[in-house]
Amino acid sequence: MDGKTVRGSRTRTTVAISLLATMAHSGEVLAQRQVADKSNEIPSFAPLLNGVNLTHA
């Protein structure tokens, strides 16, 4: 899991876009979700994992 702010996404009228992603050990991105403005990554953690098949993990 890692959160990043998208470089160049901020304008004069909008805030920067923040993303939270889950990755496999091989480096492939398994799921990605935008983090709500004025929030942190914690509330986005569970909904992000809902889209990932964790069977036998």
PDB file of N, CA and C in Angstrom:
ATOM      1  N   MET A   1       0.849  -1.162   0.000  1.00  0.00           N
ATOM      2  CA  MET A   1       0.000   0.000   0.000  1.00  0.00           C
ATOM      3  C   MET A   1       0.896   1.225   0.000  1.00  0.00           C
ATOM      4  N   ASP A   2       0.507   2.170  -0.823  1.00  0.00           N
ATOM      5  CA  ASP A   2       1.259   3.414  -0.861  1.00  0.00           C
ATOM      6  C   ASP A   2       0.351   4.514  -1.382  1.00  0.00           C
ATOM      7  N   GLY A   3       0.493   5.697  -0.868  1.00  0.00           N
ATOM      8  CA  GLY A   3      -0.263   6.848  -1.321  1.00  0.00           C
ATOM      9  C   GLY A   3       0.658   7.861  -1.970  1.00  0.00           C
ATOM     10  N   LYS A   4       0.198   8.453  -3.039  1.00  0.00           N
ATOM     11  CA  LYS A   4       0.976   9.450  -3.764  1.00  0.00           C
ATOM     12  C   LYS A   4       0.060  10.569  -4.250  1.00  0.00           C
ATOM     13  N   THR A   5       0.613  11.749  -4.374  1.00  0.00           N
ATOM     14  CA  THR A   5      -0.083  12.873  -4.978  1.00  0.00           C
ATOM     15  C   THR A   5       0.374  12.979  -6.425  1.00  0.00           C
ATOM     16  N   VAL A   6      -0.587  13.100  -7.342  1.00  0.00           N
ATOM     17  CA  VAL A   6      -0.274  13.131  -8.763  1.00  0.00           C
ATOM     18  C   VAL A   6       0.367  14.468  -9.117  1.00  0.00           C
ATOM     19  N   ARG A   7       1.580  14.400  -9.567  1.00  0.00           N
ATOM     20  CA  ARG A   7       2.333  15.598  -9.912  1.00  0.00           C
ATOM     21  C   ARG A   7       1.665  16.344 -11.061  1.00  0.00           C
ATOM     22  N   GLY A   8       1.514  17.644 -10.915  1.00  0.00           N
ATOM     23  CA  GLY A   8       0.919  18.478 -11.951  1.00  0.00           C
ATOM     24  C   GLY A   8      -0.600  18.481 -11.961  1.00  0.00           C
ATOM     25  N   SER A   9      -1.240  17.810 -10.986  1.00  0.00           N
ATOM     26  CA  SER A   9      -2.701  17.729 -10.986  1.00  0.00           C
ATOM     27  C   SER A   9      -3.369  18.927 -10.312  1.00  0.00           C
ATOM     28  N   ARG A  10      -2.614  19.708  -9.583  1.00  0.00           N
ATOM     29  CA  ARG A  10      -3.179  20.881  -8.911  1.00  0.00           C
ATOM     30  C   ARG A  10      -3.249  22.057  -9.869  1.00  0.00           C
ATOM     31  N   THR A  11      -4.364  22.764  -9.845  1.00  0.00           N
ATOM     32  CA  THR A  11      -4.517  23.989 -10.630  1.00  0.00           C
ATOM     33  C   THR A  11      -4.906  25.118  -9.685  1.00  0.00           C
ATOM     34  N   ARG A  12      -5.159  26.271 -10.224  1.00  0.00           N
ATOM     35  CA  ARG A  12      -5.572  27.400  -9.387  1.00  0.00           C
ATOM     36  C   ARG A  12      -6.922  27.166  -8.738  1.00  0.00           C
ATOM     37  N   THR A  13      -7.769  26.363  -9.370  1.00  0.00           N
ATOM     38  CA  THR A  13      -9.131  26.162  -8.856  1.00  0.00           C
ATOM     39  C   THR A  13      -9.363  24.778  -8.251  1.00  0.00           C
ATOM     40  N   THR A  14      -8.431  23.848  -8.396  1.00  0.00           N
ATOM     41  CA  THR A  14      -8.618  22.499  -7.852  1.00  0.00           C
ATOM     42  C   THR A  14      -7.409  22.085  -7.020  1.00  0.00           C
ATOM     43  N   VAL A  15      -7.658  21.217  -6.052  1.00  0.00           N
ATOM     44  CA  VAL A  15      -6.564  20.685  -5.239  1.00  0.00           C
ATOM     45  C   VAL A  15      -5.914  19.516  -5.977  1.00  0.00           C
ATOM     46  N   ALA A  16      -4.744  19.146  -5.540  1.00  0.00           N
ATOM     47  CA  ALA A  16      -4.024  18.038  -6.164  1.00  0.00           C
ATOM     48  C   ALA A  16      -4.761  16.721  -5.926  1.00  0.00           C
ATOM     49  N   ILE A  17      -4.653  15.803  -6.875  1.00  0.00           N
ATOM     50  CA  ILE A  17      -5.274  14.488  -6.776  1.00  0.00           C
ATOM     51  C   ILE A  17      -4.340  13.564  -6.002  1.00  0.00           C
ATOM     52  N   SER A  18      -4.888  12.888  -4.995  1.00  0.00           N
ATOM     53  CA  SER A  18      -4.126  11.917  -4.212  1.00  0.00           C
ATOM     54  C   SER A  18      -4.664  10.529  -4.497  1.00  0.00           C
ATOM     55  N   LEU A  19      -3.760   9.569  -4.686  1.00  0.00           N
ATOM     56  CA  LEU A  19      -4.138   8.191  -4.996  1.00  0.00           C
ATOM     57  C   LEU A  19      -3.557   7.243  -3.967  1.00  0.00           C
ATOM     58  N   LEU A  20      -4.270   6.162  -3.706  1.00  0.00           N
ATOM     59  CA  LEU A  20      -3.817   5.089  -2.845  1.00  0.00           C
ATOM     60  C   LEU A  20      -3.788   3.832  -3.709  1.00  0.00           C
ATOM     61  N   ALA A  21      -2.699   3.082  -3.656  1.00  0.00           N
ATOM     62  CA  ALA A  21      -2.567   1.899  -4.493  1.00  0.00           C
ATOM     63  C   ALA A  21      -2.055   0.715  -3.692  1.00  0.00           C
ATOM     64  N   THR A  22      -2.453  -0.478  -4.128  1.00  0.00           N
ATOM     65  CA  THR A  22      -1.894  -1.717  -3.586  1.00  0.00           C
ATOM     66  C   THR A  22      -1.067  -2.351  -4.694  1.00  0.00           C
ATOM     67  N   MET A  23       0.073  -2.908  -4.321  1.00  0.00           N
ATOM     68  CA  MET A  23       0.958  -3.506  -5.313  1.00  0.00           C
ATOM     69  C   MET A  23       1.369  -4.900  -4.867  1.00  0.00           C
ATOM     70  N   ALA A  24       1.655  -5.736  -5.844  1.00  0.00           N
ATOM     71  CA  ALA A  24       2.206  -7.064  -5.575  1.00  0.00           C
ATOM     72  C   ALA A  24       3.711  -6.918  -5.377  1.00  0.00           C
ATOM     73  N   HIS A  25       4.343  -7.944  -4.838  1.00  0.00           N
ATOM     74  CA  HIS A  25       5.788  -7.900  -4.636  1.00  0.00           C
ATOM     75  C   HIS A  25       6.538  -7.748  -5.960  1.00  0.00           C
ATOM     76  N   SER A  26       5.916  -8.176  -7.042  1.00  0.00           N
ATOM     77  CA  SER A  26       6.552  -8.057  -8.363  1.00  0.00           C
ATOM     78  C   SER A  26       6.479  -6.636  -8.912  1.00  0.00           C
ATOM     79  N   GLY A  27       5.687  -5.765  -8.253  1.00  0.00           N
ATOM     80  CA  GLY A  27       5.611  -4.368  -8.668  1.00  0.00           C
ATOM     81  C   GLY A  27       4.355  -4.001  -9.433  1.00  0.00           C
ATOM     82  N   GLU A  28       3.527  -4.988  -9.780  1.00  0.00           N
ATOM     83  CA  GLU A  28       2.306  -4.666 -10.510  1.00  0.00           C
ATOM     84  C   GLU A  28       1.262  -4.064  -9.574  1.00  0.00           C
ATOM     85  N   VAL A  29       0.507  -3.079 -10.071  1.00  0.00           N
ATOM     86  CA  VAL A  29      -0.539  -2.424  -9.287  1.00  0.00           C
ATOM     87  C   VAL A  29      -1.791  -3.293  -9.343  1.00  0.00           C
ATOM     88  N   LEU A  30      -2.282  -3.701  -8.181  1.00  0.00           N
ATOM     89  CA  LEU A  30      -3.468  -4.554  -8.100  1.00  0.00           C
ATOM     90  C   LEU A  30      -4.755  -3.747  -8.041  1.00  0.00           C
ATOM     91  N   ALA A  31      -4.706  -2.596  -7.389  1.00  0.00           N
ATOM     92  CA  ALA A  31      -5.876  -1.728  -7.272  1.00  0.00           C
ATOM     93  C   ALA A  31      -5.399  -0.319  -6.970  1.00  0.00           C
ATOM     94  N   GLN A  32      -6.216   0.650  -7.399  1.00  0.00           N
ATOM     95  CA  GLN A  32      -5.869   2.044  -7.168  1.00  0.00           C
ATOM     96  C   GLN A  32      -7.162   2.808  -6.928  1.00  0.00           C
ATOM     97  N   ARG A  33      -7.117   3.779  -6.023  1.00  0.00           N
ATOM     98  CA  ARG A  33      -8.315   4.539  -5.662  1.00  0.00           C
ATOM     99  C   ARG A  33      -7.924   5.973  -5.327  1.00  0.00           C
ATOM    100  N   GLN A  34      -8.776   6.907  -5.724  1.00  0.00           N
ATOM    101  CA  GLN A  34      -8.530   8.307  -5.387  1.00  0.00           C
ATOM    102  C   GLN A  34      -8.934   8.556  -3.946  1.00  0.00           C
ATOM    103  N   VAL A  35      -8.096   9.261  -3.211  1.00  0.00           N
ATOM    104  CA  VAL A  35      -8.371   9.630  -1.823  1.00  0.00           C
ATOM    105  C   VAL A  35      -9.157  10.931  -1.837  1.00  0.00           C
ATOM    106  N   ALA A  36     -10.215  10.996  -1.030  1.00  0.00           N
ATOM    107  CA  ALA A  36     -11.062  12.185  -0.986  1.00  0.00           C
ATOM    108  C   ALA A  36     -10.271  13.410  -0.540  1.00  0.00           C
ATOM    109  N   ASP A  37     -10.669  14.563  -1.056  1.00  0.00           N
ATOM    110  CA  ASP A  37     -10.058  15.825  -0.637  1.00  0.00           C
ATOM    111  C   ASP A  37     -10.259  16.014   0.861  1.00  0.00           C
ATOM    112  N   LYS A  38      -9.322  16.655   1.505  1.00  0.00           N
ATOM    113  CA  LYS A  38      -9.386  16.954   2.939  1.00  0.00           C
ATOM    114  C   LYS A  38      -9.475  15.673   3.782  1.00  0.00           C
ATOM    115  N   SER A  39      -8.875  14.608   3.308  1.00  0.00           N
ATOM    116  CA  SER A  39      -8.906  13.337   4.026  1.00  0.00           C
ATOM    117  C   SER A  39      -7.500  12.751   4.018  1.00  0.00           C
ATOM    118  N   ASN A  40      -7.360  11.606   4.657  1.00  0.00           N
ATOM    119  CA  ASN A  40      -6.107  10.890   4.583  1.00  0.00           C
ATOM    120  C   ASN A  40      -6.368   9.513   3.978  1.00  0.00           C
ATOM    121  N   GLU A  41      -5.380   8.661   3.950  1.00  0.00           N
ATOM    122  CA  GLU A  41      -5.491   7.375   3.272  1.00  0.00           C
ATOM    123  C   GLU A  41      -6.288   6.338   4.059  1.00  0.00           C
ATOM    124  N   ILE A  42      -6.417   6.488   5.355  1.00  0.00           N
ATOM    125  CA  ILE A  42      -7.027   5.452   6.194  1.00  0.00           C
ATOM    126  C   ILE A  42      -8.474   5.127   5.787  1.00  0.00           C
ATOM    127  N   PRO A  43      -9.370   6.114   5.565  1.00  0.00           N
ATOM    128  CA  PRO A  43     -10.737   5.767   5.164  1.00  0.00           C
ATOM    129  C   PRO A  43     -10.819   5.092   3.786  1.00  0.00           C
ATOM    130  N   SER A  44      -9.827   5.263   2.952  1.00  0.00           N
ATOM    131  CA  SER A  44      -9.832   4.668   1.611  1.00  0.00           C
ATOM    132  C   SER A  44      -9.265   3.255   1.583  1.00  0.00           C
ATOM    133  N   PHE A  45      -8.695   2.806   2.694  1.00  0.00           N
ATOM    134  CA  PHE A  45      -8.026   1.506   2.740  1.00  0.00           C
ATOM    135  C   PHE A  45      -8.985   0.338   2.506  1.00  0.00           C
ATOM    136  N   ALA A  46     -10.068   0.243   3.283  1.00  0.00           N
ATOM    137  CA  ALA A  46     -11.012  -0.874   3.161  1.00  0.00           C
ATOM    138  C   ALA A  46     -11.714  -0.902   1.801  1.00  0.00           C
ATOM    139  N   PRO A  47     -12.253   0.226   1.301  1.00  0.00           N
ATOM    140  CA  PRO A  47     -12.888   0.177  -0.026  1.00  0.00           C
ATOM    141  C   PRO A  47     -11.911  -0.224  -1.137  1.00  0.00           C
ATOM    142  N   LEU A  48     -10.652   0.121  -0.991  1.00  0.00           N
ATOM    143  CA  LEU A  48      -9.654  -0.258  -1.988  1.00  0.00           C
ATOM    144  C   LEU A  48      -9.495  -1.771  -2.035  1.00  0.00           C
ATOM    145  N   LEU A  49      -9.470  -2.405  -0.878  1.00  0.00           N
ATOM    146  CA  LEU A  49      -9.297  -3.851  -0.816  1.00  0.00           C
ATOM    147  C   LEU A  49     -10.533  -4.622  -1.261  1.00  0.00           C
ATOM    148  N   ASN A  50     -11.707  -3.988  -1.262  1.00  0.00           N
ATOM    149  CA  ASN A  50     -12.925  -4.658  -1.731  1.00  0.00           C
ATOM    150  C   ASN A  50     -12.806  -5.113  -3.179  1.00  0.00           C
ATOM    151  N   GLY A  51     -12.017  -4.426  -3.974  1.00  0.00           N
ATOM    152  CA  GLY A  51     -11.857  -4.782  -5.375  1.00  0.00           C
ATOM    153  C   GLY A  51     -10.733  -5.772  -5.639  1.00  0.00           C
ATOM    154  N   VAL A  52     -10.049  -6.239  -4.595  1.00  0.00           N
ATOM    155  CA  VAL A  52      -8.920  -7.152  -4.758  1.00  0.00           C
ATOM    156  C   VAL A  52      -9.318  -8.543  -4.258  1.00  0.00           C
ATOM    157  N   ASN A  53      -9.052  -9.559  -5.069  1.00  0.00           N
ATOM    158  CA  ASN A  53      -9.348 -10.935  -4.683  1.00  0.00           C
ATOM    159  C   ASN A  53      -8.254 -11.412  -3.733  1.00  0.00           C
ATOM    160  N   LEU A  54      -8.614 -11.594  -2.472  1.00  0.00           N
ATOM    161  CA  LEU A  54      -7.642 -12.000  -1.455  1.00  0.00           C
ATOM    162  C   LEU A  54      -7.781 -13.471  -1.071  1.00  0.00           C
ATOM    163  N   THR A  55      -8.454 -14.256  -1.908  1.00  0.00           N
ATOM    164  CA  THR A  55      -8.604 -15.681  -1.646  1.00  0.00           C
ATOM    165  C   THR A  55      -7.229 -16.343  -1.626  1.00  0.00           C
ATOM    166  N   HIS A  56      -6.978 -17.119  -0.609  1.00  0.00           N
ATOM    167  CA  HIS A  56      -5.708 -17.846  -0.428  1.00  0.00           C
ATOM    168  C   HIS A  56      -4.525 -16.908  -0.212  1.00  0.00           C
ATOM    169  N   ALA A  57      -4.800 -15.685   0.215  1.00  0.00           N
ATOM    170  CA  ALA A  57      -3.708 -14.732   0.459  1.00  0.00           C
ATOM    171  C   ALA A  57      -3.254 -14.798   1.899  1.00  0.00           C
TER     172      ALA A  57
END
